[in-house]
Amino acid sequence: MSLSGAELVASVLAAYIALGLVLAITMLLGGLRRFDPAAAAAPLRVKLLWFPGMATLWPVILAR
């Protein structure tokens, strides 16, 4: 099975988004406490604002 260029890009993008969503959910459910206790105490609405950024920039978060 051979993927065309567009299918390959779509597959890589889907994998990137899936990993980002998993990491963001993990961070918001408990991992945030490890990095910043004050951020872990933030209200849910603030954490929901952080969610898209965490899902998009997951390589930066993972490197920390």
PDB file of N, CA and C in Angstrom:
ATOM      1  N   MET A   1       0.841  -1.173   0.000  1.00  0.00           N
ATOM      2  CA  MET A   1       0.000   0.000   0.000  1.00  0.00           C
ATOM      3  C   MET A   1       0.886   1.238   0.000  1.00  0.00           C
ATOM      4  N   SER A   2       0.677   2.068  -0.970  1.00  0.00           N
ATOM      5  CA  SER A   2       1.479   3.267  -1.124  1.00  0.00           C
ATOM      6  C   SER A   2       0.620   4.504  -0.889  1.00  0.00           C
ATOM      7  N   LEU A   3       1.128   5.433  -0.129  1.00  0.00           N
ATOM      8  CA  LEU A   3       0.397   6.655   0.151  1.00  0.00           C
ATOM      9  C   LEU A   3       0.856   7.754  -0.792  1.00  0.00           C
ATOM     10  N   SER A   4      -0.087   8.540  -1.282  1.00  0.00           N
ATOM     11  CA  SER A   4       0.285   9.701  -2.077  1.00  0.00           C
ATOM     12  C   SER A   4       0.802  10.782  -1.130  1.00  0.00           C
ATOM     13  N   GLY A   5       1.338  11.828  -1.669  1.00  0.00           N
ATOM     14  CA  GLY A   5       1.878  12.912  -0.845  1.00  0.00           C
ATOM     15  C   GLY A   5       0.834  13.521   0.068  1.00  0.00           C
ATOM     16  N   ALA A   6      -0.358  13.773  -0.467  1.00  0.00           N
ATOM     17  CA  ALA A   6      -1.417  14.384   0.332  1.00  0.00           C
ATOM     18  C   ALA A   6      -1.881  13.452   1.448  1.00  0.00           C
ATOM     19  N   GLU A   7      -1.973  12.162   1.157  1.00  0.00           N
ATOM     20  CA  GLU A   7      -2.372  11.199   2.181  1.00  0.00           C
ATOM     21  C   GLU A   7      -1.320  11.095   3.271  1.00  0.00           C
ATOM     22  N   LEU A   8      -0.063  11.171   2.893  1.00  0.00           N
ATOM     23  CA  LEU A   8       1.016  11.114   3.872  1.00  0.00           C
ATOM     24  C   LEU A   8       0.970  12.330   4.786  1.00  0.00           C
ATOM     25  N   VAL A   9       0.785  13.510   4.207  1.00  0.00           N
ATOM     26  CA  VAL A   9       0.696  14.735   5.010  1.00  0.00           C
ATOM     27  C   VAL A   9      -0.508  14.665   5.945  1.00  0.00           C
ATOM     28  N   ALA A  10      -1.638  14.199   5.454  1.00  0.00           N
ATOM     29  CA  ALA A  10      -2.840  14.084   6.278  1.00  0.00           C
ATOM     30  C   ALA A  10      -2.628  13.084   7.416  1.00  0.00           C
ATOM     31  N   SER A  11      -1.949  11.986   7.137  1.00  0.00           N
ATOM     32  CA  SER A  11      -1.691  10.979   8.167  1.00  0.00           C
ATOM     33  C   SER A  11      -0.755  11.519   9.250  1.00  0.00           C
ATOM     34  N   VAL A  12       0.279  12.219   8.834  1.00  0.00           N
ATOM     35  CA  VAL A  12       1.222  12.801   9.798  1.00  0.00           C
ATOM     36  C   VAL A  12       0.522  13.867  10.634  1.00  0.00           C
ATOM     37  N   LEU A  13      -0.297  14.692  10.009  1.00  0.00           N
ATOM     38  CA  LEU A  13      -1.033  15.730  10.736  1.00  0.00           C
ATOM     39  C   LEU A  13      -2.026  15.116  11.725  1.00  0.00           C
ATOM     40  N   ALA A  14      -2.693  14.053  11.323  1.00  0.00           N
ATOM     41  CA  ALA A  14      -3.632  13.379  12.219  1.00  0.00           C
ATOM     42  C   ALA A  14      -2.903  12.782  13.419  1.00  0.00           C
ATOM     43  N   ALA A  15      -1.750  12.204  13.204  1.00  0.00           N
ATOM     44  CA  ALA A  15      -0.964  11.643  14.304  1.00  0.00           C
ATOM     45  C   ALA A  15      -0.485  12.748  15.247  1.00  0.00           C
ATOM     46  N   TYR A  16      -0.059  13.882  14.701  1.00  0.00           N
ATOM     47  CA  TYR A  16       0.397  15.023  15.498  1.00  0.00           C
ATOM     48  C   TYR A  16      -0.743  15.535  16.379  1.00  0.00           C
ATOM     49  N   ILE A  17      -1.924  15.676  15.789  1.00  0.00           N
ATOM     50  CA  ILE A  17      -3.084  16.165  16.538  1.00  0.00           C
ATOM     51  C   ILE A  17      -3.498  15.156  17.614  1.00  0.00           C
ATOM     52  N   ALA A  18      -3.492  13.874  17.280  1.00  0.00           N
ATOM     53  CA  ALA A  18      -3.873  12.849  18.252  1.00  0.00           C
ATOM     54  C   ALA A  18      -2.924  12.843  19.447  1.00  0.00           C
ATOM     55  N   LEU A  19      -1.631  12.904  19.183  1.00  0.00           N
ATOM     56  CA  LEU A  19      -0.665  12.956  20.284  1.00  0.00           C
ATOM     57  C   LEU A  19      -0.841  14.226  21.111  1.00  0.00           C
ATOM     58  N   GLY A  20      -1.116  15.333  20.453  1.00  0.00           N
ATOM     59  CA  GLY A  20      -1.332  16.592  21.151  1.00  0.00           C
ATOM     60  C   GLY A  20      -2.546  16.548  22.055  1.00  0.00           C
ATOM     61  N   LEU A  21      -3.628  15.952  21.574  1.00  0.00           N
ATOM     62  CA  LEU A  21      -4.832  15.850  22.388  1.00  0.00           C
ATOM     63  C   LEU A  21      -4.605  14.967  23.605  1.00  0.00           C
ATOM     64  N   VAL A  22      -3.925  13.858  23.410  1.00  0.00           N
ATOM     65  CA  VAL A  22      -3.637  12.948  24.531  1.00  0.00           C
ATOM     66  C   VAL A  22      -2.766  13.653  25.570  1.00  0.00           C
ATOM     67  N   LEU A  23      -1.727  14.345  25.124  1.00  0.00           N
ATOM     68  CA  LEU A  23      -0.840  15.028  26.060  1.00  0.00           C
ATOM     69  C   LEU A  23      -1.568  16.160  26.774  1.00  0.00           C
ATOM     70  N   ALA A  24      -2.364  16.932  26.053  1.00  0.00           N
ATOM     71  CA  ALA A  24      -3.077  18.049  26.678  1.00  0.00           C
ATOM     72  C   ALA A  24      -4.061  17.547  27.730  1.00  0.00           C
ATOM     73  N   ILE A  25      -4.783  16.494  27.428  1.00  0.00           N
ATOM     74  CA  ILE A  25      -5.726  15.934  28.400  1.00  0.00           C
ATOM     75  C   ILE A  25      -4.981  15.409  29.622  1.00  0.00           C
ATOM     76  N   THR A  26      -3.868  14.731  29.382  1.00  0.00           N
ATOM     77  CA  THR A  26      -3.062  14.206  30.489  1.00  0.00           C
ATOM     78  C   THR A  26      -2.542  15.339  31.368  1.00  0.00           C
ATOM     79  N   MET A  27      -2.071  16.398  30.740  1.00  0.00           N
ATOM     80  CA  MET A  27      -1.549  17.526  31.506  1.00  0.00           C
ATOM     81  C   MET A  27      -2.651  18.197  32.319  1.00  0.00           C
ATOM     82  N   LEU A  28      -3.811  18.373  31.717  1.00  0.00           N
ATOM     83  CA  LEU A  28      -4.887  19.060  32.430  1.00  0.00           C
ATOM     84  C   LEU A  28      -5.480  18.206  33.548  1.00  0.00           C
ATOM     85  N   LEU A  29      -5.420  16.898  33.426  1.00  0.00           N
ATOM     86  CA  LEU A  29      -5.987  16.029  34.458  1.00  0.00           C
ATOM     87  C   LEU A  29      -5.060  15.790  35.641  1.00  0.00           C
ATOM     88  N   GLY A  30      -3.795  16.130  35.522  1.00  0.00           N
ATOM     89  CA  GLY A  30      -2.935  15.903  36.673  1.00  0.00           C
ATOM     90  C   GLY A  30      -1.485  16.270  36.475  1.00  0.00           C
ATOM     91  N   GLY A  31      -1.026  16.272  35.251  1.00  0.00           N
ATOM     92  CA  GLY A  31       0.382  16.550  35.013  1.00  0.00           C
ATOM     93  C   GLY A  31       0.776  17.996  35.208  1.00  0.00           C
ATOM     94  N   LEU A  32      -0.189  18.877  35.157  1.00  0.00           N
ATOM     95  CA  LEU A  32       0.099  20.300  35.314  1.00  0.00           C
ATOM     96  C   LEU A  32       0.639  20.602  36.707  1.00  0.00           C
ATOM     97  N   ARG A  33       0.217  19.832  37.663  1.00  0.00           N
ATOM     98  CA  ARG A  33       0.653  19.993  39.053  1.00  0.00           C
ATOM     99  C   ARG A  33       2.170  19.856  39.173  1.00  0.00           C
ATOM    100  N   ARG A  34       2.762  19.013  38.326  1.00  0.00           N
ATOM    101  CA  ARG A  34       4.205  18.779  38.355  1.00  0.00           C
ATOM    102  C   ARG A  34       4.998  19.991  37.888  1.00  0.00           C
ATOM    103  N   PHE A  35       4.437  20.744  36.944  1.00  0.00           N
ATOM    104  CA  PHE A  35       5.150  21.877  36.371  1.00  0.00           C
ATOM    105  C   PHE A  35       4.936  23.163  37.156  1.00  0.00           C
ATOM    106  N   ASP A  36       3.700  23.406  37.544  1.00  0.00           N
ATOM    107  CA  ASP A  36       3.383  24.669  38.206  1.00  0.00           C
ATOM    108  C   ASP A  36       2.168  24.480  39.113  1.00  0.00           C
ATOM    109  N   PRO A  37       2.384  24.428  40.413  1.00  0.00           N
ATOM    110  CA  PRO A  37       1.260  24.222  41.335  1.00  0.00           C
ATOM    111  C   PRO A  37       0.206  25.328  41.241  1.00  0.00           C
ATOM    112  N   ALA A  38       0.638  26.560  40.975  1.00  0.00           N
ATOM    113  CA  ALA A  38      -0.326  27.656  40.857  1.00  0.00           C
ATOM    114  C   ALA A  38      -1.211  27.464  39.624  1.00  0.00           C
ATOM    115  N   ALA A  39      -0.632  26.985  38.540  1.00  0.00           N
ATOM    116  CA  ALA A  39      -1.419  26.734  37.329  1.00  0.00           C
ATOM    117  C   ALA A  39      -2.382  25.579  37.542  1.00  0.00           C
ATOM    118  N   ALA A  40      -1.994  24.609  38.333  1.00  0.00           N
ATOM    119  CA  ALA A  40      -2.877  23.474  38.611  1.00  0.00           C
ATOM    120  C   ALA A  40      -4.095  23.913  39.402  1.00  0.00           C
ATOM    121  N   ALA A  41      -3.969  24.994  40.164  1.00  0.00           N
ATOM    122  CA  ALA A  41      -5.077  25.492  40.968  1.00  0.00           C
ATOM    123  C   ALA A  41      -5.978  26.449  40.183  1.00  0.00           C
ATOM    124  N   ALA A  42      -5.668  26.686  38.920  1.00  0.00           N
ATOM    125  CA  ALA A  42      -6.466  27.608  38.102  1.00  0.00           C
ATOM    126  C   ALA A  42      -7.864  27.040  37.877  1.00  0.00           C
ATOM    127  N   PRO A  43      -8.840  27.921  37.676  1.00  0.00           N
ATOM    128  CA  PRO A  43     -10.207  27.452  37.417  1.00  0.00           C
ATOM    129  C   PRO A  43     -10.293  26.674  36.096  1.00  0.00           C
ATOM    130  N   LEU A  44     -11.316  25.876  35.975  1.00  0.00           N
ATOM    131  CA  LEU A  44     -11.503  25.050  34.782  1.00  0.00           C
ATOM    132  C   LEU A  44     -11.582  25.895  33.512  1.00  0.00           C
ATOM    133  N   ARG A  45     -12.243  27.043  33.573  1.00  0.00           N
ATOM    134  CA  ARG A  45     -12.379  27.869  32.371  1.00  0.00           C
ATOM    135  C   ARG A  45     -11.019  28.354  31.871  1.00  0.00           C
ATOM    136  N   VAL A  46     -10.089  28.585  32.767  1.00  0.00           N
ATOM    137  CA  VAL A  46      -8.742  28.995  32.366  1.00  0.00           C
ATOM    138  C   VAL A  46      -8.015  27.811  31.740  1.00  0.00           C
ATOM    139  N   LYS A  47      -8.160  26.642  32.328  1.00  0.00           N
ATOM    140  CA  LYS A  47      -7.526  25.444  31.780  1.00  0.00           C
ATOM    141  C   LYS A  47      -8.065  25.125  30.396  1.00  0.00           C
ATOM    142  N   LEU A  48      -9.356  25.366  30.173  1.00  0.00           N
ATOM    143  CA  LEU A  48      -9.931  25.139  28.852  1.00  0.00           C
ATOM    144  C   LEU A  48      -9.375  26.117  27.824  1.00  0.00           C
ATOM    145  N   LEU A  49      -8.995  27.296  28.258  1.00  0.00           N
ATOM    146  CA  LEU A  49      -8.343  28.243  27.352  1.00  0.00           C
ATOM    147  C   LEU A  49      -6.933  27.776  26.994  1.00  0.00           C
ATOM    148  N   TRP A  50      -6.275  27.113  27.912  1.00  0.00           N
ATOM    149  CA  TRP A  50      -4.921  26.608  27.659  1.00  0.00           C
ATOM    150  C   TRP A  50      -4.923  25.372  26.766  1.00  0.00           C
ATOM    151  N   PHE A  51      -6.024  24.646  26.753  1.00  0.00           N
ATOM    152  CA  PHE A  51      -6.089  23.359  26.055  1.00  0.00           C
ATOM    153  C   PHE A  51      -5.642  23.416  24.589  1.00  0.00           C
ATOM    154  N   PRO A  52      -6.146  24.331  23.755  1.00  0.00           N
ATOM    155  CA  PRO A  52      -5.709  24.333  22.345  1.00  0.00           C
ATOM    156  C   PRO A  52      -4.211  24.593  22.187  1.00  0.00           C
ATOM    157  N   GLY A  53      -3.680  25.475  23.008  1.00  0.00           N
ATOM    158  CA  GLY A  53      -2.247  25.750  22.933  1.00  0.00           C
ATOM    159  C   GLY A  53      -1.412  24.560  23.348  1.00  0.00           C
ATOM    160  N   MET A  54      -1.859  23.867  24.380  1.00  0.00           N
ATOM    161  CA  MET A  54      -1.137  22.682  24.836  1.00  0.00           C
ATOM    162  C   MET A  54      -1.194  21.571  23.796  1.00  0.00           C
ATOM    163  N   ALA A  55      -2.349  21.433  23.154  1.00  0.00           N
ATOM    164  CA  ALA A  55      -2.498  20.389  22.136  1.00  0.00           C
ATOM    165  C   ALA A  55      -1.659  20.704  20.902  1.00  0.00           C
ATOM    166  N   THR A  56      -1.509  21.976  20.589  1.00  0.00           N
ATOM    167  CA  THR A  56      -0.748  22.372  19.407  1.00  0.00           C
ATOM    168  C   THR A  56       0.757  22.361  19.667  1.00  0.00           C
ATOM    169  N   LEU A  57       1.158  22.813  20.819  1.00  0.00           N
ATOM    170  CA  LEU A  57       2.586  22.945  21.137  1.00  0.00           C
ATOM    171  C   LEU A  57       3.091  21.810  22.022  1.00  0.00           C
ATOM    172  N   TRP A  58       2.525  20.619  21.843  1.00  0.00           N
ATOM    173  CA  TRP A  58       2.895  19.505  22.705  1.00  0.00           C
ATOM    174  C   TRP A  58       4.373  19.132  22.649  1.00  0.00           C
ATOM    175  N   PRO A  59       5.099  19.314  21.539  1.00  0.00           N
ATOM    176  CA  PRO A  59       6.525  18.970  21.583  1.00  0.00           C
ATOM    177  C   PRO A  59       7.305  19.859  22.563  1.00  0.00           C
ATOM    178  N   VAL A  60       6.904  21.113  22.687  1.00  0.00           N
ATOM    179  CA  VAL A  60       7.571  22.028  23.611  1.00  0.00           C
ATOM    180  C   VAL A  60       7.287  21.603  25.051  1.00  0.00           C
ATOM    181  N   ILE A  61       6.039  21.237  25.320  1.00  0.00           N
ATOM    182  CA  ILE A  61       5.653  20.798  26.665  1.00  0.00           C
ATOM    183  C   ILE A  61       6.359  19.487  27.012  1.00  0.00           C
ATOM    184  N   LEU A  62       6.426  18.586  26.052  1.00  0.00           N
ATOM    185  CA  LEU A  62       7.073  17.300  26.291  1.00  0.00           C
ATOM    186  C   LEU A  62       8.579  17.466  26.534  1.00  0.00           C
ATOM    187  N   ALA A  63       9.182  18.455  25.906  1.00  0.00           N
ATOM    188  CA  ALA A  63      10.621  18.687  26.080  1.00  0.00           C
ATOM    189  C   ALA A  63      10.928  19.200  27.496  1.00  0.00           C
ATOM    190  N   ARG A  64       9.970  19.835  28.128  1.00  0.00           N
ATOM    191  CA  ARG A  64      10.172  20.353  29.480  1.00  0.00           C
ATOM    192  C   ARG A  64      10.044  19.225  30.451  1.00  0.00           C
TER     193      ARG A  64
END
